[in-house]
Amino acid sequence: MAAPGLLARADDDGIPVRTPRLPAREAAERELSDPRYHQHDPNPIQRALDWLWDRLDELFHTAAGATPGGWIGLLTIAACVLLLLLALRLRLGAVRRTPTTRRTLFATTPRTAAEHRTAAARYAAAGLWSQAIQDRMRAIVLALEERALLTPGPGRTADEAATEAGRALPRHADRLRTAARIFDDVTYGGRPGTEQAYALLTVLDTDLQHARPAPATAPARSRG
């Protein structure tokens, strides 16, 4: 029997030769490190993917074993999670569709009131009532700015313009607020414009051209 730590091999004459185990192992390791033995080994990325899939497989098997009903129970839970994610996606998508920017009256550099009136009439002749309403409202606001009844403010909203104009022209305050609401409904609310709504803004525009601001009330003097 060979002594521990020695390996037996035969020399050319068939005489057994004793080789220590440690040098033999080192020789074997050197031989196996030859690139010829590793040319078909998977690359590092493939090994990493194999390791990841092994871990996922272990995770799913563990989850299936711990879930009541095994794989059926696990699939049921996964389906519930997917339905929850879908519901959240639909809800968040609806929220994102809500306008988040400031509802400014003028999307581009404003033109003159006359130019907006001309554009509104052209749209109305073509039956494009939404566009006609938008340009008519812009004409109303610009006309008041041109008469110095409104402070020029390209970033203002239709509601802000109507509120400020209503203070200068209180007799028309309600109609101005109605016109601003029609503009917002058509521009941001997705409601189609109508001929009746456009006619309301057209009459208001005509009336405002002849309107005079309310006289400023002098502050009451205190009695001494």
C-alpha atoms as a PDB file:
ATOM      1  CA  MET A   1       0.000   0.000   0.000  1.00  0.00           C
ATOM      2  CA  ALA A   2       1.392   3.447  -0.957  1.00  0.00           C
ATOM      3  CA  ALA A   3       2.255   5.816   1.836  1.00  0.00           C
ATOM      4  CA  PRO A   4      -0.018   8.845   2.288  1.00  0.00           C
ATOM      5  CA  GLY A   5       1.153  11.926   0.433  1.00  0.00           C
ATOM      6  CA  LEU A   6       2.764   9.830  -2.387  1.00  0.00           C
ATOM      7  CA  LEU A   7       1.493   8.846  -5.807  1.00  0.00           C
ATOM      8  CA  ALA A   8       2.765   5.835  -7.701  1.00  0.00           C
ATOM      9  CA  ARG A   9       3.745   6.000 -11.332  1.00  0.00           C
ATOM     10  CA  ALA A  10       5.991   3.848 -13.548  1.00  0.00           C
ATOM     11  CA  ASP A  11       9.182   4.996 -15.242  1.00  0.00           C
ATOM     12  CA  ASP A  12      10.326   3.816 -18.641  1.00  0.00           C
ATOM     13  CA  ASP A  13      11.516   0.523 -17.210  1.00  0.00           C
ATOM     14  CA  GLY A  14       8.186  -0.121 -15.510  1.00  0.00           C
ATOM     15  CA  ILE A  15       9.627   0.526 -12.086  1.00  0.00           C
ATOM     16  CA  PRO A  16       7.136   2.367  -9.854  1.00  0.00           C
ATOM     17  CA  VAL A  17       8.201   5.906  -8.912  1.00  0.00           C
ATOM     18  CA  ARG A  18       6.851   7.609  -5.873  1.00  0.00           C
ATOM     19  CA  THR A  19       5.695  11.291  -6.435  1.00  0.00           C
ATOM     20  CA  PRO A  20       4.601  13.530  -3.548  1.00  0.00           C
ATOM     21  CA  ARG A  21       0.889  14.456  -3.689  1.00  0.00           C
ATOM     22  CA  LEU A  22       1.376  18.265  -3.505  1.00  0.00           C
ATOM     23  CA  PRO A  23       3.756  18.545  -6.478  1.00  0.00           C
ATOM     24  CA  ALA A  24       1.443  16.235  -8.409  1.00  0.00           C
ATOM     25  CA  ARG A  25      -1.543  18.481  -7.745  1.00  0.00           C
ATOM     26  CA  GLU A  26       0.383  21.579  -8.767  1.00  0.00           C
ATOM     27  CA  ALA A  27       1.422  19.854 -11.971  1.00  0.00           C
ATOM     28  CA  ALA A  28      -2.194  18.928 -12.688  1.00  0.00           C
ATOM     29  CA  GLU A  29      -3.332  22.501 -12.060  1.00  0.00           C
ATOM     30  CA  ARG A  30      -0.684  23.815 -14.441  1.00  0.00           C
ATOM     31  CA  GLU A  31      -1.818  21.344 -17.065  1.00  0.00           C
ATOM     32  CA  LEU A  32      -5.508  22.246 -16.639  1.00  0.00           C
ATOM     33  CA  SER A  33      -4.731  25.982 -16.829  1.00  0.00           C
ATOM     34  CA  ASP A  34      -3.732  25.515 -20.440  1.00  0.00           C
ATOM     35  CA  PRO A  35      -6.076  27.694 -22.588  1.00  0.00           C
ATOM     36  CA  ARG A  36      -6.825  24.679 -24.765  1.00  0.00           C
ATOM     37  CA  TYR A  37      -8.991  23.275 -21.986  1.00  0.00           C
ATOM     38  CA  HIS A  38     -11.019  26.517 -21.570  1.00  0.00           C
ATOM     39  CA  GLN A  39     -11.659  27.715 -25.099  1.00  0.00           C
ATOM     40  CA  HIS A  40     -15.298  26.574 -24.913  1.00  0.00           C
ATOM     41  CA  ASP A  41     -15.978  27.912 -21.407  1.00  0.00           C
ATOM     42  CA  PRO A  42     -18.782  30.552 -21.132  1.00  0.00           C
ATOM     43  CA  ASN A  43     -17.630  34.176 -21.019  1.00  0.00           C
ATOM     44  CA  PRO A  44     -17.963  36.232 -17.792  1.00  0.00           C
ATOM     45  CA  ILE A  45     -21.254  37.782 -18.894  1.00  0.00           C
ATOM     46  CA  GLN A  46     -22.763  34.381 -19.637  1.00  0.00           C
ATOM     47  CA  ARG A  47     -21.577  33.061 -16.281  1.00  0.00           C
ATOM     48  CA  ALA A  48     -23.130  36.064 -14.538  1.00  0.00           C
ATOM     49  CA  LEU A  49     -26.437  35.503 -16.360  1.00  0.00           C
ATOM     50  CA  ASP A  50     -26.372  31.810 -15.497  1.00  0.00           C
ATOM     51  CA  TRP A  51     -25.810  32.671 -11.861  1.00  0.00           C
ATOM     52  CA  LEU A  52     -28.671  35.187 -11.918  1.00  0.00           C
ATOM     53  CA  TRP A  53     -31.097  32.735 -13.486  1.00  0.00           C
ATOM     54  CA  ASP A  54     -30.088  30.091 -10.918  1.00  0.00           C
ATOM     55  CA  ARG A  55     -30.831  32.506  -8.083  1.00  0.00           C
ATOM     56  CA  LEU A  56     -34.189  33.483  -9.619  1.00  0.00           C
ATOM     57  CA  ASP A  57     -35.084  29.859 -10.095  1.00  0.00           C
ATOM     58  CA  GLU A  58     -34.271  29.183  -6.446  1.00  0.00           C
ATOM     59  CA  LEU A  59     -36.332  32.215  -5.407  1.00  0.00           C
ATOM     60  CA  PHE A  60     -39.400  31.125  -7.367  1.00  0.00           C
ATOM     61  CA  HIS A  61     -39.156  27.582  -6.078  1.00  0.00           C
ATOM     62  CA  THR A  62     -38.860  28.864  -2.512  1.00  0.00           C
ATOM     63  CA  ALA A  63     -41.824  31.215  -3.005  1.00  0.00           C
ATOM     64  CA  ALA A  64     -43.888  28.428  -4.553  1.00  0.00           C
ATOM     65  CA  GLY A  65     -43.114  26.170  -1.614  1.00  0.00           C
ATOM     66  CA  ALA A  66     -44.032  28.856   0.923  1.00  0.00           C
ATOM     67  CA  THR A  67     -47.204  29.992  -0.884  1.00  0.00           C
ATOM     68  CA  PRO A  68     -50.477  28.180  -0.158  1.00  0.00           C
ATOM     69  CA  GLY A  69     -51.384  26.275  -3.302  1.00  0.00           C
ATOM     70  CA  GLY A  70     -47.817  26.078  -4.601  1.00  0.00           C
ATOM     71  CA  TRP A  71     -47.326  27.314  -8.150  1.00  0.00           C
ATOM     72  CA  ILE A  72     -51.042  28.037  -8.588  1.00  0.00           C
ATOM     73  CA  GLY A  73     -51.035  30.280  -5.549  1.00  0.00           C
ATOM     74  CA  LEU A  74     -47.880  32.036  -6.712  1.00  0.00           C
ATOM     75  CA  LEU A  75     -49.370  32.668 -10.170  1.00  0.00           C
ATOM     76  CA  THR A  76     -52.528  34.037  -8.553  1.00  0.00           C
ATOM     77  CA  ILE A  77     -50.512  36.480  -6.483  1.00  0.00           C
ATOM     78  CA  ALA A  78     -48.511  37.528  -9.554  1.00  0.00           C
ATOM     79  CA  ALA A  79     -51.731  38.139 -11.492  1.00  0.00           C
ATOM     80  CA  CYS A  80     -53.091  40.304  -8.675  1.00  0.00           C
ATOM     81  CA  VAL A  81     -49.880  42.340  -8.625  1.00  0.00           C
ATOM     82  CA  LEU A  82     -50.062  42.839 -12.399  1.00  0.00           C
ATOM     83  CA  LEU A  83     -53.684  43.988 -12.138  1.00  0.00           C
ATOM     84  CA  LEU A  84     -52.732  46.439  -9.380  1.00  0.00           C
ATOM     85  CA  LEU A  85     -49.880  47.842 -11.479  1.00  0.00           C
ATOM     86  CA  LEU A  86     -52.233  48.184 -14.457  1.00  0.00           C
ATOM     87  CA  ALA A  87     -54.772  50.052 -12.349  1.00  0.00           C
ATOM     88  CA  LEU A  88     -52.076  52.406 -11.060  1.00  0.00           C
ATOM     89  CA  ARG A  89     -50.824  52.966 -14.600  1.00  0.00           C
ATOM     90  CA  LEU A  90     -54.280  53.886 -15.838  1.00  0.00           C
ATOM     91  CA  ARG A  91     -54.854  56.188 -12.869  1.00  0.00           C
ATOM     92  CA  LEU A  92     -51.511  57.946 -13.193  1.00  0.00           C
ATOM     93  CA  GLY A  93     -51.974  58.227 -16.942  1.00  0.00           C
ATOM     94  CA  ALA A  94     -55.283  60.013 -16.413  1.00  0.00           C
ATOM     95  CA  VAL A  95     -53.622  62.388 -13.967  1.00  0.00           C
ATOM     96  CA  ARG A  96     -50.853  63.185 -16.434  1.00  0.00           C
ATOM     97  CA  ARG A  97     -53.420  64.052 -19.077  1.00  0.00           C
ATOM     98  CA  THR A  98     -54.746  66.795 -16.809  1.00  0.00           C
ATOM     99  CA  PRO A  99     -53.257  70.124 -17.922  1.00  0.00           C
ATOM    100  CA  THR A 100     -50.425  71.022 -15.560  1.00  0.00           C
ATOM    101  CA  THR A 101     -49.279  74.195 -17.261  1.00  0.00           C
ATOM    102  CA  ARG A 102     -50.685  77.629 -16.639  1.00  0.00           C
ATOM    103  CA  ARG A 103     -53.731  78.267 -18.823  1.00  0.00           C
ATOM    104  CA  THR A 104     -52.459  81.422 -20.443  1.00  0.00           C
ATOM    105  CA  LEU A 105     -54.695  83.342 -22.795  1.00  0.00           C
ATOM    106  CA  PHE A 106     -52.030  83.862 -25.437  1.00  0.00           C
ATOM    107  CA  ALA A 107     -50.012  80.814 -26.508  1.00  0.00           C
ATOM    108  CA  THR A 108     -47.809  82.900 -28.825  1.00  0.00           C
ATOM    109  CA  THR A 109     -46.839  86.529 -29.204  1.00  0.00           C
ATOM    110  CA  PRO A 110     -50.170  88.409 -29.215  1.00  0.00           C
ATOM    111  CA  ARG A 111     -51.293  90.267 -32.297  1.00  0.00           C
ATOM    112  CA  THR A 112     -53.576  93.279 -32.414  1.00  0.00           C
ATOM    113  CA  ALA A 113     -57.251  93.106 -31.546  1.00  0.00           C
ATOM    114  CA  ALA A 114     -58.185  93.809 -35.169  1.00  0.00           C
ATOM    115  CA  GLU A 115     -56.039  90.917 -36.379  1.00  0.00           C
ATOM    116  CA  HIS A 116     -57.690  88.534 -33.922  1.00  0.00           C
ATOM    117  CA  ARG A 117     -61.152  89.736 -34.969  1.00  0.00           C
ATOM    118  CA  THR A 118     -60.292  89.077 -38.608  1.00  0.00           C
ATOM    119  CA  ALA A 119     -59.045  85.589 -37.760  1.00  0.00           C
ATOM    120  CA  ALA A 120     -62.170  84.901 -35.674  1.00  0.00           C
ATOM    121  CA  ALA A 121     -64.461  85.947 -38.522  1.00  0.00           C
ATOM    122  CA  ARG A 122     -62.537  83.721 -40.934  1.00  0.00           C
ATOM    123  CA  TYR A 123     -62.863  80.725 -38.628  1.00  0.00           C
ATOM    124  CA  ALA A 124     -66.567  81.416 -38.078  1.00  0.00           C
ATOM    125  CA  ALA A 125     -67.192  81.550 -41.829  1.00  0.00           C
ATOM    126  CA  ALA A 126     -65.614  78.091 -42.090  1.00  0.00           C
ATOM    127  CA  GLY A 127     -67.701  76.747 -39.202  1.00  0.00           C
ATOM    128  CA  LEU A 128     -64.653  76.304 -36.948  1.00  0.00           C
ATOM    129  CA  TRP A 129     -66.358  77.608 -33.849  1.00  0.00           C
ATOM    130  CA  SER A 130     -63.724  76.606 -31.285  1.00  0.00           C
ATOM    131  CA  GLN A 131     -60.967  78.536 -33.066  1.00  0.00           C
ATOM    132  CA  ALA A 132     -63.357  81.437 -33.684  1.00  0.00           C
ATOM    133  CA  ILE A 133     -64.163  81.641 -29.961  1.00  0.00           C
ATOM    134  CA  GLN A 134     -60.487  81.610 -29.025  1.00  0.00           C
ATOM    135  CA  ASP A 135     -59.560  84.442 -31.357  1.00  0.00           C
ATOM    136  CA  ARG A 136     -62.620  86.488 -30.421  1.00  0.00           C
ATOM    137  CA  MET A 137     -61.753  86.236 -26.720  1.00  0.00           C
ATOM    138  CA  ARG A 138     -58.205  87.313 -27.461  1.00  0.00           C
ATOM    139  CA  ALA A 139     -59.551  90.232 -29.469  1.00  0.00           C
ATOM    140  CA  ILE A 140     -61.705  91.293 -26.498  1.00  0.00           C
ATOM    141  CA  VAL A 141     -58.763  91.293 -24.106  1.00  0.00           C
ATOM    142  CA  LEU A 142     -56.375  93.025 -26.496  1.00  0.00           C
ATOM    143  CA  ALA A 143     -58.939  95.719 -27.283  1.00  0.00           C
ATOM    144  CA  LEU A 144     -59.230  96.496 -23.572  1.00  0.00           C
ATOM    145  CA  GLU A 145     -55.442  96.623 -23.279  1.00  0.00           C
ATOM    146  CA  GLU A 146     -55.231  98.972 -26.262  1.00  0.00           C
ATOM    147  CA  ARG A 147     -57.693 101.285 -24.503  1.00  0.00           C
ATOM    148  CA  ALA A 148     -55.640 101.077 -21.280  1.00  0.00           C
ATOM    149  CA  LEU A 149     -58.564  99.476 -19.463  1.00  0.00           C
ATOM    150  CA  LEU A 150     -56.385  96.444 -18.833  1.00  0.00           C
ATOM    151  CA  THR A 151     -52.732  96.296 -17.933  1.00  0.00           C
ATOM    152  CA  PRO A 152     -50.904  94.359 -20.696  1.00  0.00           C
ATOM    153  CA  GLY A 153     -50.095  90.874 -19.429  1.00  0.00           C
ATOM    154  CA  PRO A 154     -49.210  88.224 -22.021  1.00  0.00           C
ATOM    155  CA  GLY A 155     -48.994  85.528 -19.346  1.00  0.00           C
ATOM    156  CA  ARG A 156     -52.434  86.116 -17.834  1.00  0.00           C
ATOM    157  CA  THR A 157     -55.302  83.667 -18.030  1.00  0.00           C
ATOM    158  CA  ALA A 158     -58.743  84.366 -19.451  1.00  0.00           C
ATOM    159  CA  ASP A 159     -60.205  84.332 -15.926  1.00  0.00           C
ATOM    160  CA  GLU A 160     -57.651  86.857 -14.698  1.00  0.00           C
ATOM    161  CA  ALA A 161     -58.333  89.138 -17.653  1.00  0.00           C
ATOM    162  CA  ALA A 162     -62.092  88.878 -17.121  1.00  0.00           C
ATOM    163  CA  THR A 163     -61.791  89.631 -13.410  1.00  0.00           C
ATOM    164  CA  GLU A 164     -59.595  92.679 -13.969  1.00  0.00           C
ATOM    165  CA  ALA A 165     -61.763  93.964 -16.809  1.00  0.00           C
ATOM    166  CA  GLY A 166     -64.882  93.435 -14.679  1.00  0.00           C
ATOM    167  CA  ARG A 167     -63.506  95.862 -12.091  1.00  0.00           C
ATOM    168  CA  ALA A 168     -63.045  98.542 -14.761  1.00  0.00           C
ATOM    169  CA  LEU A 169     -66.365  97.742 -16.458  1.00  0.00           C
ATOM    170  CA  PRO A 170     -68.631  96.403 -13.697  1.00  0.00           C
ATOM    171  CA  ARG A 171     -71.757  96.440 -15.901  1.00  0.00           C
ATOM    172  CA  HIS A 172     -70.140  93.775 -18.092  1.00  0.00           C
ATOM    173  CA  ALA A 173     -68.419  91.763 -15.336  1.00  0.00           C
ATOM    174  CA  ASP A 174     -70.802  88.774 -15.510  1.00  0.00           C
ATOM    175  CA  ARG A 175     -70.612  88.514 -19.287  1.00  0.00           C
ATOM    176  CA  LEU A 176     -66.819  88.761 -19.167  1.00  0.00           C
ATOM    177  CA  ARG A 177     -66.649  85.864 -16.704  1.00  0.00           C
ATOM    178  CA  THR A 178     -69.000  83.837 -18.907  1.00  0.00           C
ATOM    179  CA  ALA A 179     -66.811  84.534 -21.947  1.00  0.00           C
ATOM    180  CA  ALA A 180     -63.698  83.441 -20.031  1.00  0.00           C
ATOM    181  CA  ARG A 181     -65.421  80.213 -18.986  1.00  0.00           C
ATOM    182  CA  ILE A 182     -66.416  79.487 -22.591  1.00  0.00           C
ATOM    183  CA  PHE A 183     -62.817  80.097 -23.685  1.00  0.00           C
ATOM    184  CA  ASP A 184     -61.459  77.710 -21.031  1.00  0.00           C
ATOM    185  CA  ASP A 185     -64.025  75.016 -21.840  1.00  0.00           C
ATOM    186  CA  VAL A 186     -63.148  75.133 -25.520  1.00  0.00           C
ATOM    187  CA  THR A 187     -59.384  75.477 -25.100  1.00  0.00           C
ATOM    188  CA  TYR A 188     -58.680  73.230 -22.098  1.00  0.00           C
ATOM    189  CA  GLY A 189     -61.890  71.333 -21.323  1.00  0.00           C
ATOM    190  CA  GLY A 190     -62.199  69.604 -24.673  1.00  0.00           C
ATOM    191  CA  ARG A 191     -65.701  70.958 -25.311  1.00  0.00           C
ATOM    192  CA  PRO A 192     -66.555  71.857 -28.900  1.00  0.00           C
ATOM    193  CA  GLY A 193     -67.347  75.459 -29.660  1.00  0.00           C
ATOM    194  CA  THR A 194     -70.815  76.391 -30.871  1.00  0.00           C
ATOM    195  CA  GLU A 195     -72.251  79.125 -33.027  1.00  0.00           C
ATOM    196  CA  GLN A 196     -74.321  80.395 -30.086  1.00  0.00           C
ATOM    197  CA  ALA A 197     -71.248  80.709 -27.859  1.00  0.00           C
ATOM    198  CA  TYR A 198     -69.353  82.540 -30.578  1.00  0.00           C
ATOM    199  CA  ALA A 199     -72.302  84.911 -31.080  1.00  0.00           C
ATOM    200  CA  LEU A 200     -72.274  85.694 -27.338  1.00  0.00           C
ATOM    201  CA  LEU A 201     -68.589  86.694 -27.479  1.00  0.00           C
ATOM    202  CA  THR A 202     -69.128  88.702 -30.662  1.00  0.00           C
ATOM    203  CA  VAL A 203     -71.923  90.772 -29.105  1.00  0.00           C
ATOM    204  CA  LEU A 204     -69.838  91.278 -25.973  1.00  0.00           C
ATOM    205  CA  ASP A 205     -66.881  92.435 -28.073  1.00  0.00           C
ATOM    206  CA  THR A 206     -69.071  94.976 -29.862  1.00  0.00           C
ATOM    207  CA  ASP A 207     -70.608  96.261 -26.617  1.00  0.00           C
ATOM    208  CA  LEU A 208     -67.219  96.619 -24.938  1.00  0.00           C
ATOM    209  CA  GLN A 209     -65.944  98.788 -27.776  1.00  0.00           C
ATOM    210  CA  HIS A 210     -68.526 101.433 -26.756  1.00  0.00           C
ATOM    211  CA  ALA A 211     -68.349 100.862 -23.007  1.00  0.00           C
ATOM    212  CA  ARG A 212     -66.968 103.489 -20.680  1.00  0.00           C
ATOM    213  CA  PRO A 213     -65.165 102.622 -17.465  1.00  0.00           C
ATOM    214  CA  ALA A 214     -66.898 103.287 -14.197  1.00  0.00           C
ATOM    215  CA  PRO A 215     -65.787 106.568 -12.629  1.00  0.00           C
ATOM    216  CA  ALA A 216     -63.365 106.159  -9.803  1.00  0.00           C
ATOM    217  CA  THR A 217     -64.914 106.966  -6.455  1.00  0.00           C
ATOM    218  CA  ALA A 218     -63.051 109.569  -4.473  1.00  0.00           C
ATOM    219  CA  PRO A 219     -62.038 108.478  -0.983  1.00  0.00           C
ATOM    220  CA  ALA A 220     -64.309 109.804   1.718  1.00  0.00           C
ATOM    221  CA  ARG A 221     -62.837 112.634   3.745  1.00  0.00           C
ATOM    222  CA  SER A 222     -62.656 112.129   7.425  1.00  0.00           C
ATOM    223  CA  ARG A 223     -64.410 114.712   9.524  1.00  0.00           C
ATOM    224  CA  GLY A 224     -62.347 116.531  12.014  1.00  0.00           C
END
